[in-house]
Every structure is written in C-alpha cells, then in structure tokens.
Amino acid sequence: MLAYRTLIFVWVLLAARVQSQNWRPCTDLTPLDLLTKALPNPVQGPSTQSISKKEVSGQLQVVQSTGSRGLRLSEATMTSLSFPASQIFTNCDFFPAEFSLVVTLKTPRLRRKEKEFIFSVVNEESRLPLLGLCVSGNQIHLLVTTGGGGVQRRLNFKDVGLDDDSWHTVTLAVTGPYTTLTIDCGLPVELKQGQSFPSALSTRGSRFFIGSRGRAKGRFSGLLRQLVLLPGSDATVKLCVNSDPSLAELSIPHVLKSIYPSYHGHVYSYGKDTS
C-alpha cells in the first residue's frame, strides 16, 4: 500500500513538472504597441505637404500639435483601425491578469456624460465589449465585463485633468484588486476594488478597436500618440526616465517620430492642429 501511494505521489510530481515546463504566458512580457499594430501599411515616399482638415475628411490624419505629432481618427477609420486579439495573444486566449497600459493623448474639453473610447476589446459575435479604456469630462474609466451574464464593472478615476487640450502620458497599472493611475510621471493614485481583475478573461473571437468600441458613438475625438500594453509589469519604472514626462515613450508608431512627414499616400494625411 505504501509503495502504491509513493508511486502516485511521484506521478503527481512528474505531471506538475511537465505542466510547469510546458506553461507559457499568453504573450511575451514585452511592450505591445497596439497603435502600430492597428495601423495599415502606408505607401512610402517623401513629402512635406501640409493638408487641411477638409481635404483629409474620411482619412486617418497625422496632426502636429504643440510640437508633437498624433493620430486623429475619422468615422471612416473607426472600424478599420482594429485587429484580432489572436494576433498578440498567441499562446492562449486570455487577457493578462496583471498589466500596464500606457497612453499618450491630447484631449479637448469633453462633457461629463460623453464617453470616448481610447481602445476596446470587443467580442465579434456578440458585439459585447470585454474591456475598454475611455475618458469622459475630467474622468478616466476602465471597463471590464466579467462572467457569462456580461456583468460590467467600471473603475473611475475622477478629477484627472486630462481634458485640457494638452499632451499627457497616462499609465494604468493593474495588479489583483489594485489599479494605479499615474499621469505625466507624477504622484500615483491607487484604487482598490472588491474583486481582482479577472484571471481568465477570454479574448477568443474578440477584436481590438483603437479609438472606438467598434461603433460611431464613443469615437475618440482627440489625438493619439501612444498606446502600449505591457503584460505583467508596472510600466512607470521603464517610462519615467524621460525629460518630458507628458511625452514619455515606451513605443510609438514610426510615422509619428519624425519632424516632417516621411510617408505619404492614401492612408495617412498630414496637417497642423488649428484648434
């Protein structure tokens, strides 16, 4: 009997060892540039032409504002600026339970009841938003849908001062029940929820939408310069070594890096922010 129990114990240990050796995270624990991932490939060629807003209606526009460049979405690019979640979650179908989001944005004054989505993860069959980051008035919200019944939880940070039409870099770090917001590498603000972030938020059959939730309502009207997902880590450690915290970078699209436009074609158009 003792030998039988010993054999079972050894078998359990071996099975656990094999399982641990085969386990891999859903993604590499490196920054995932969601904005670059969603952008179509532009036609290359030099150009320094400045194009007005009216001329670029219906296109994805690169706008230079207060010395830095960002992307402005139109309603026509709302659904095209997206990609399947399976392109980044290659080893499994779950969103990381611990992660950081880094966003550099320039937001106009918003009404308190208007929600504009910076990004969302939407189930393509049910059209149910699984995860979303949005701004409204002087607030920023993290939305998470849990359970089979589609129960949505919302985490609100108030009086964040983002809607002043200036560039800001926002870091949102999620670990268990704690969510920490850092703006322009300033003092962090931490909120604790009654429940931890879901450890098994399935992304199977879902799609990332940048600057929207896949619908016309809720489209982001400001400028986006950076949108990065960093699994399993607090990004502020890597981010906050920049001389200009409001424009701190982990990764931005190449088309936003140069002083003058280095691409020109039917995808990207260029102009200056006249607002």
Protein backbone atom coordinates (compact mmCIF):
# COMPACT_ATOMS: atom_id res chain seq x y z
CA MET A 1 0.00 0.00 0.00
CA LEU A 2 2.86 2.34 0.91
CA ALA A 3 4.58 1.60 -2.39
CA TYR A 4 1.33 2.37 -4.26
CA ARG A 5 0.96 5.74 -2.51
CA THR A 6 4.59 6.55 -3.21
CA LEU A 7 4.08 5.77 -6.89
CA ILE A 8 1.04 8.07 -7.06
CA PHE A 9 2.98 10.86 -5.32
CA VAL A 10 5.86 10.55 -7.79
CA TRP A 11 3.44 10.57 -10.74
CA VAL A 12 1.78 13.78 -9.46
CA LEU A 13 5.17 15.46 -9.07
CA LEU A 14 6.22 14.47 -12.59
CA ALA A 15 2.92 15.67 -14.07
CA ALA A 16 3.26 19.03 -12.29
CA ARG A 17 6.84 19.37 -13.52
CA VAL A 18 5.86 18.67 -17.13
CA GLN A 19 2.97 21.11 -16.89
CA SER A 20 5.21 23.86 -15.49
CA GLN A 21 7.76 23.28 -18.26
CA ASN A 22 5.06 23.50 -20.94
CA TRP A 23 3.40 26.61 -19.49
CA ARG A 24 3.94 29.82 -21.38
CA PRO A 25 2.41 33.26 -20.87
CA CYS A 26 -0.20 34.40 -23.40
CA THR A 27 2.28 36.94 -24.77
CA ASP A 28 5.93 37.74 -24.40
CA LEU A 29 6.36 40.05 -21.41
CA THR A 30 7.47 42.90 -23.65
CA PRO A 31 5.67 46.12 -24.63
CA LEU A 32 2.92 45.53 -27.22
CA ASP A 33 2.46 48.61 -29.40
CA LEU A 34 -1.30 48.42 -30.05
CA LEU A 35 -1.38 51.62 -32.10
CA THR A 36 1.30 50.44 -34.55
CA LYS A 37 -0.34 47.01 -34.70
CA ALA A 38 -3.63 48.51 -35.87
CA LEU A 39 -2.21 50.91 -38.46
CA PRO A 40 -2.34 49.95 -42.15
CA ASN A 41 0.96 49.99 -44.01
CA PRO A 42 1.36 53.37 -45.72
CA VAL A 43 2.79 53.99 -49.16
CA GLN A 44 6.34 55.21 -48.66
CA GLY A 45 7.72 58.33 -50.22
CA PRO A 46 8.96 61.75 -49.12
CA SER A 47 6.52 64.57 -48.66
CA THR A 48 6.32 67.77 -46.64
CA GLN A 49 2.94 68.84 -47.94
CA SER A 50 0.52 70.29 -45.39
CA ILE A 51 -3.09 69.31 -45.96
CA SER A 52 -6.10 71.00 -44.41
CA LYS A 53 -8.73 69.21 -42.33
CA LYS A 54 -11.35 69.49 -45.06
CA GLU A 55 -9.05 67.80 -47.57
CA VAL A 56 -8.40 64.85 -45.28
CA SER A 57 -12.01 64.21 -44.30
CA GLY A 58 -12.63 60.47 -44.11
CA GLN A 59 -8.93 59.61 -43.76
CA LEU A 60 -6.60 58.81 -40.88
CA GLN A 61 -4.87 62.11 -40.21
CA VAL A 62 -1.45 62.78 -38.72
CA VAL A 63 -1.60 66.12 -36.92
CA GLN A 64 1.29 68.11 -35.49
CA SER A 65 0.19 69.98 -32.37
CA THR A 66 2.35 71.96 -29.92
CA GLY A 67 5.50 70.41 -31.33
CA SER A 68 4.46 66.74 -31.32
CA ARG A 69 2.52 64.52 -33.67
CA GLY A 70 -0.54 62.38 -33.07
CA LEU A 71 -3.21 60.47 -34.97
CA ARG A 72 -6.74 61.77 -35.37
CA LEU A 73 -9.41 59.23 -36.24
CA SER A 74 -12.30 59.90 -38.53
CA GLU A 75 -15.56 57.98 -38.57
CA ALA A 76 -14.39 56.24 -41.75
CA THR A 77 -11.33 54.76 -39.99
CA MET A 78 -13.26 53.77 -36.87
CA THR A 79 -13.68 50.08 -37.72
CA SER A 80 -10.58 49.69 -39.89
CA LEU A 81 -8.23 50.68 -37.07
CA SER A 82 -8.52 47.29 -35.41
CA PHE A 83 -7.02 43.79 -35.35
CA PRO A 84 -7.92 40.32 -34.00
CA ALA A 85 -6.84 39.65 -30.41
CA SER A 86 -5.30 36.37 -31.59
CA GLN A 87 -2.52 38.35 -33.30
CA ILE A 88 -0.98 39.27 -29.94
CA PHE A 89 -2.31 36.53 -27.63
CA THR A 90 -0.52 33.76 -29.46
CA ASN A 91 -0.05 31.15 -26.71
CA CYS A 92 -3.53 31.28 -25.15
CA ASP A 93 -6.81 33.19 -25.31
CA PHE A 94 -6.68 35.17 -22.07
CA PHE A 95 -6.00 38.82 -21.37
CA PRO A 96 -3.13 39.23 -18.87
CA ALA A 97 -4.32 39.31 -15.25
CA GLU A 98 -1.57 41.83 -14.44
CA PHE A 99 -0.62 44.53 -16.91
CA SER A 100 0.04 48.20 -17.59
CA LEU A 101 -1.50 50.43 -20.23
CA VAL A 102 0.46 53.45 -21.47
CA VAL A 103 -1.39 56.15 -23.42
CA THR A 104 -0.15 59.48 -24.75
CA LEU A 105 -3.06 61.64 -25.81
CA LYS A 106 -4.30 65.17 -26.32
CA THR A 107 -7.95 65.56 -25.40
CA PRO A 108 -10.29 68.50 -25.99
CA ARG A 109 -12.80 69.59 -23.38
CA LEU A 110 -15.45 66.88 -23.02
CA ARG A 111 -18.88 66.89 -21.47
CA ARG A 112 -19.12 64.72 -18.37
CA LYS A 113 -21.68 62.30 -19.84
CA GLU A 114 -19.79 61.78 -23.11
CA LYS A 115 -17.60 58.68 -23.09
CA GLU A 116 -14.88 58.48 -25.73
CA PHE A 117 -13.01 55.19 -26.06
CA ILE A 118 -9.22 55.13 -26.26
CA PHE A 119 -9.41 51.42 -27.04
CA SER A 120 -11.69 48.44 -26.51
CA VAL A 121 -11.67 44.66 -26.83
CA VAL A 122 -14.96 43.51 -28.34
CA ASN A 123 -16.37 40.03 -28.90
CA GLU A 124 -17.03 39.88 -32.64
CA GLU A 125 -20.07 37.60 -32.38
CA SER A 126 -21.99 39.19 -29.50
CA ARG A 127 -20.54 42.72 -30.01
CA LEU A 128 -20.09 42.75 -26.23
CA PRO A 129 -17.19 44.95 -25.06
CA LEU A 130 -14.96 42.80 -22.84
CA LEU A 131 -12.55 45.55 -21.87
CA GLY A 132 -12.34 49.25 -22.54
CA LEU A 133 -10.47 52.39 -21.56
CA CYS A 134 -12.37 55.63 -22.03
CA VAL A 135 -12.45 59.27 -20.99
CA SER A 136 -15.40 61.48 -20.12
CA GLY A 137 -15.22 65.03 -18.85
CA ASN A 138 -12.48 65.11 -16.23
CA GLN A 139 -12.50 61.35 -15.64
CA ILE A 140 -10.90 58.19 -17.00
CA HIS A 141 -12.65 54.82 -16.80
CA LEU A 142 -11.52 51.20 -17.05
CA LEU A 143 -14.44 48.96 -18.07
CA VAL A 144 -14.32 45.18 -17.61
CA THR A 145 -17.04 42.65 -18.46
CA THR A 146 -16.98 39.50 -16.34
CA GLY A 147 -18.99 36.31 -16.17
CA GLY A 148 -21.26 34.66 -18.70
CA GLY A 149 -24.03 37.16 -17.97
CA GLY A 150 -21.98 40.07 -19.26
CA VAL A 151 -21.77 41.95 -15.95
CA GLN A 152 -19.76 45.12 -16.48
CA ARG A 153 -17.55 46.62 -13.79
CA ARG A 154 -16.33 50.18 -14.07
CA LEU A 155 -13.36 51.70 -12.30
CA ASN A 156 -13.46 55.50 -12.23
CA PHE A 157 -10.62 57.94 -11.63
CA LYS A 158 -12.06 61.43 -11.12
CA ASP A 159 -10.57 64.91 -11.48
CA VAL A 160 -7.65 63.67 -13.57
CA GLY A 161 -7.18 66.87 -15.58
CA LEU A 162 -6.76 65.24 -18.99
CA ASP A 163 -9.28 67.28 -20.99
CA ASP A 164 -7.22 70.49 -21.15
CA ASP A 165 -6.15 70.15 -24.81
CA SER A 166 -2.55 69.42 -23.77
CA TRP A 167 -0.38 66.35 -24.26
CA HIS A 168 -0.42 63.87 -21.36
CA THR A 169 1.05 60.41 -20.84
CA VAL A 170 -1.14 58.13 -18.74
CA THR A 171 -0.06 54.87 -17.13
CA LEU A 172 -2.66 52.50 -15.72
CA ALA A 173 -1.18 49.54 -13.81
CA VAL A 174 -3.45 46.64 -12.77
CA THR A 175 -2.40 44.07 -10.16
CA GLY A 176 -5.02 41.94 -8.41
CA PRO A 177 -7.66 44.25 -6.89
CA TYR A 178 -5.39 47.31 -7.20
CA THR A 179 -5.33 49.76 -10.09
CA THR A 180 -2.80 52.59 -10.07
CA LEU A 181 -3.06 55.69 -12.25
CA THR A 182 0.00 57.83 -12.98
CA ILE A 183 -0.21 60.94 -15.17
CA ASP A 184 2.93 62.55 -16.59
CA CYS A 185 5.07 60.52 -14.14
CA GLY A 186 3.53 62.40 -11.21
CA LEU A 187 2.28 61.02 -7.91
CA PRO A 188 0.39 57.72 -8.40
CA VAL A 189 -3.25 57.36 -7.37
CA GLU A 190 -4.33 53.88 -6.30
CA LEU A 191 -7.83 52.45 -6.15
CA LYS A 192 -8.81 49.10 -4.66
CA GLN A 193 -11.78 47.13 -5.94
CA GLY A 194 -13.77 44.48 -4.14
CA GLN A 195 -12.70 41.95 -6.78
CA SER A 196 -9.42 41.35 -8.56
CA PHE A 197 -9.11 41.80 -12.29
CA PRO A 198 -10.31 38.55 -13.94
CA SER A 199 -7.59 35.91 -14.04
CA ALA A 200 -9.21 34.25 -17.08
CA LEU A 201 -10.74 36.99 -19.26
CA SER A 202 -11.15 35.10 -22.53
CA THR A 203 -10.30 37.01 -25.70
CA ARG A 204 -11.29 34.18 -28.05
CA GLY A 205 -13.17 35.55 -31.05
CA SER A 206 -12.56 39.14 -29.98
CA ARG A 207 -11.04 42.18 -31.65
CA PHE A 208 -9.09 45.24 -30.53
CA PHE A 209 -10.56 48.56 -31.66
CA ILE A 210 -8.34 51.63 -31.37
CA GLY A 211 -10.06 54.93 -30.62
CA SER A 212 -13.54 53.41 -30.52
CA ARG A 213 -15.65 50.48 -29.40
CA GLY A 214 -16.40 49.48 -32.99
CA ARG A 215 -19.32 51.90 -33.26
CA ALA A 216 -19.73 55.52 -34.28
CA LYS A 217 -20.84 56.51 -30.80
CA GLY A 218 -17.94 56.84 -28.40
CA ARG A 219 -15.25 57.54 -31.01
CA PHE A 220 -12.18 59.30 -29.60
CA SER A 221 -12.08 62.88 -30.89
CA GLY A 222 -8.63 63.87 -29.65
CA LEU A 223 -5.11 62.94 -30.76
CA LEU A 224 -3.45 59.59 -30.00
CA ARG A 225 0.33 59.33 -29.99
CA GLN A 226 1.00 56.17 -27.98
CA LEU A 227 -0.99 53.12 -26.90
CA VAL A 228 1.03 50.29 -25.37
CA LEU A 229 0.07 47.18 -23.40
CA LEU A 230 2.79 45.84 -21.10
CA PRO A 231 1.83 42.43 -19.65
CA GLY A 232 2.89 41.50 -16.14
CA SER A 233 4.61 44.72 -15.15
CA ASP A 234 4.24 48.31 -13.96
CA ALA A 235 5.36 50.41 -16.92
CA THR A 236 6.21 53.51 -14.86
CA VAL A 237 9.61 52.01 -13.99
CA LYS A 238 10.57 51.90 -17.68
CA LEU A 239 8.68 55.01 -18.70
CA CYS A 240 9.52 57.70 -16.18
CA VAL A 241 13.11 58.41 -17.17
CA ASN A 242 12.07 60.88 -19.86
CA SER A 243 12.98 64.56 -19.70
CA ASP A 244 9.43 65.46 -20.79
CA PRO A 245 7.00 63.31 -18.73
CA SER A 246 3.95 64.42 -20.73
CA LEU A 247 5.51 62.83 -23.84
CA ALA A 248 7.28 59.88 -22.20
CA GLU A 249 7.61 56.95 -24.60
CA LEU A 250 7.71 53.17 -24.49
CA SER A 251 6.84 52.73 -28.16
CA ILE A 252 5.17 54.96 -30.75
CA PRO A 253 4.45 54.43 -34.46
CA HIS A 254 7.36 55.37 -36.71
CA VAL A 255 5.17 57.79 -38.65
CA LEU A 256 4.84 59.94 -35.50
CA LYS A 257 8.55 60.12 -34.70
CA SER A 258 9.98 62.30 -37.45
CA ILE A 259 9.70 66.09 -37.50
CA TYR A 260 8.47 66.10 -41.09
CA PRO A 261 6.21 63.51 -42.71
CA SER A 262 8.21 60.58 -44.03
CA TYR A 263 5.21 58.79 -45.55
CA HIS A 264 2.52 59.91 -47.93
CA GLY A 265 -0.29 58.05 -49.60
CA HIS A 266 -3.95 57.18 -49.41
CA VAL A 267 -3.71 56.01 -45.80
CA TYR A 268 -2.01 58.87 -43.98
CA SER A 269 -2.55 62.59 -44.47
CA TYR A 270 -0.90 65.45 -42.68
CA GLY A 271 -1.90 68.76 -41.21
CA LYS A 272 -1.48 71.12 -38.30
CA ASP A 273 -3.87 71.41 -35.42
CA THR A 274 -5.64 74.72 -35.81
CA SER A 275 -7.92 74.28 -32.82
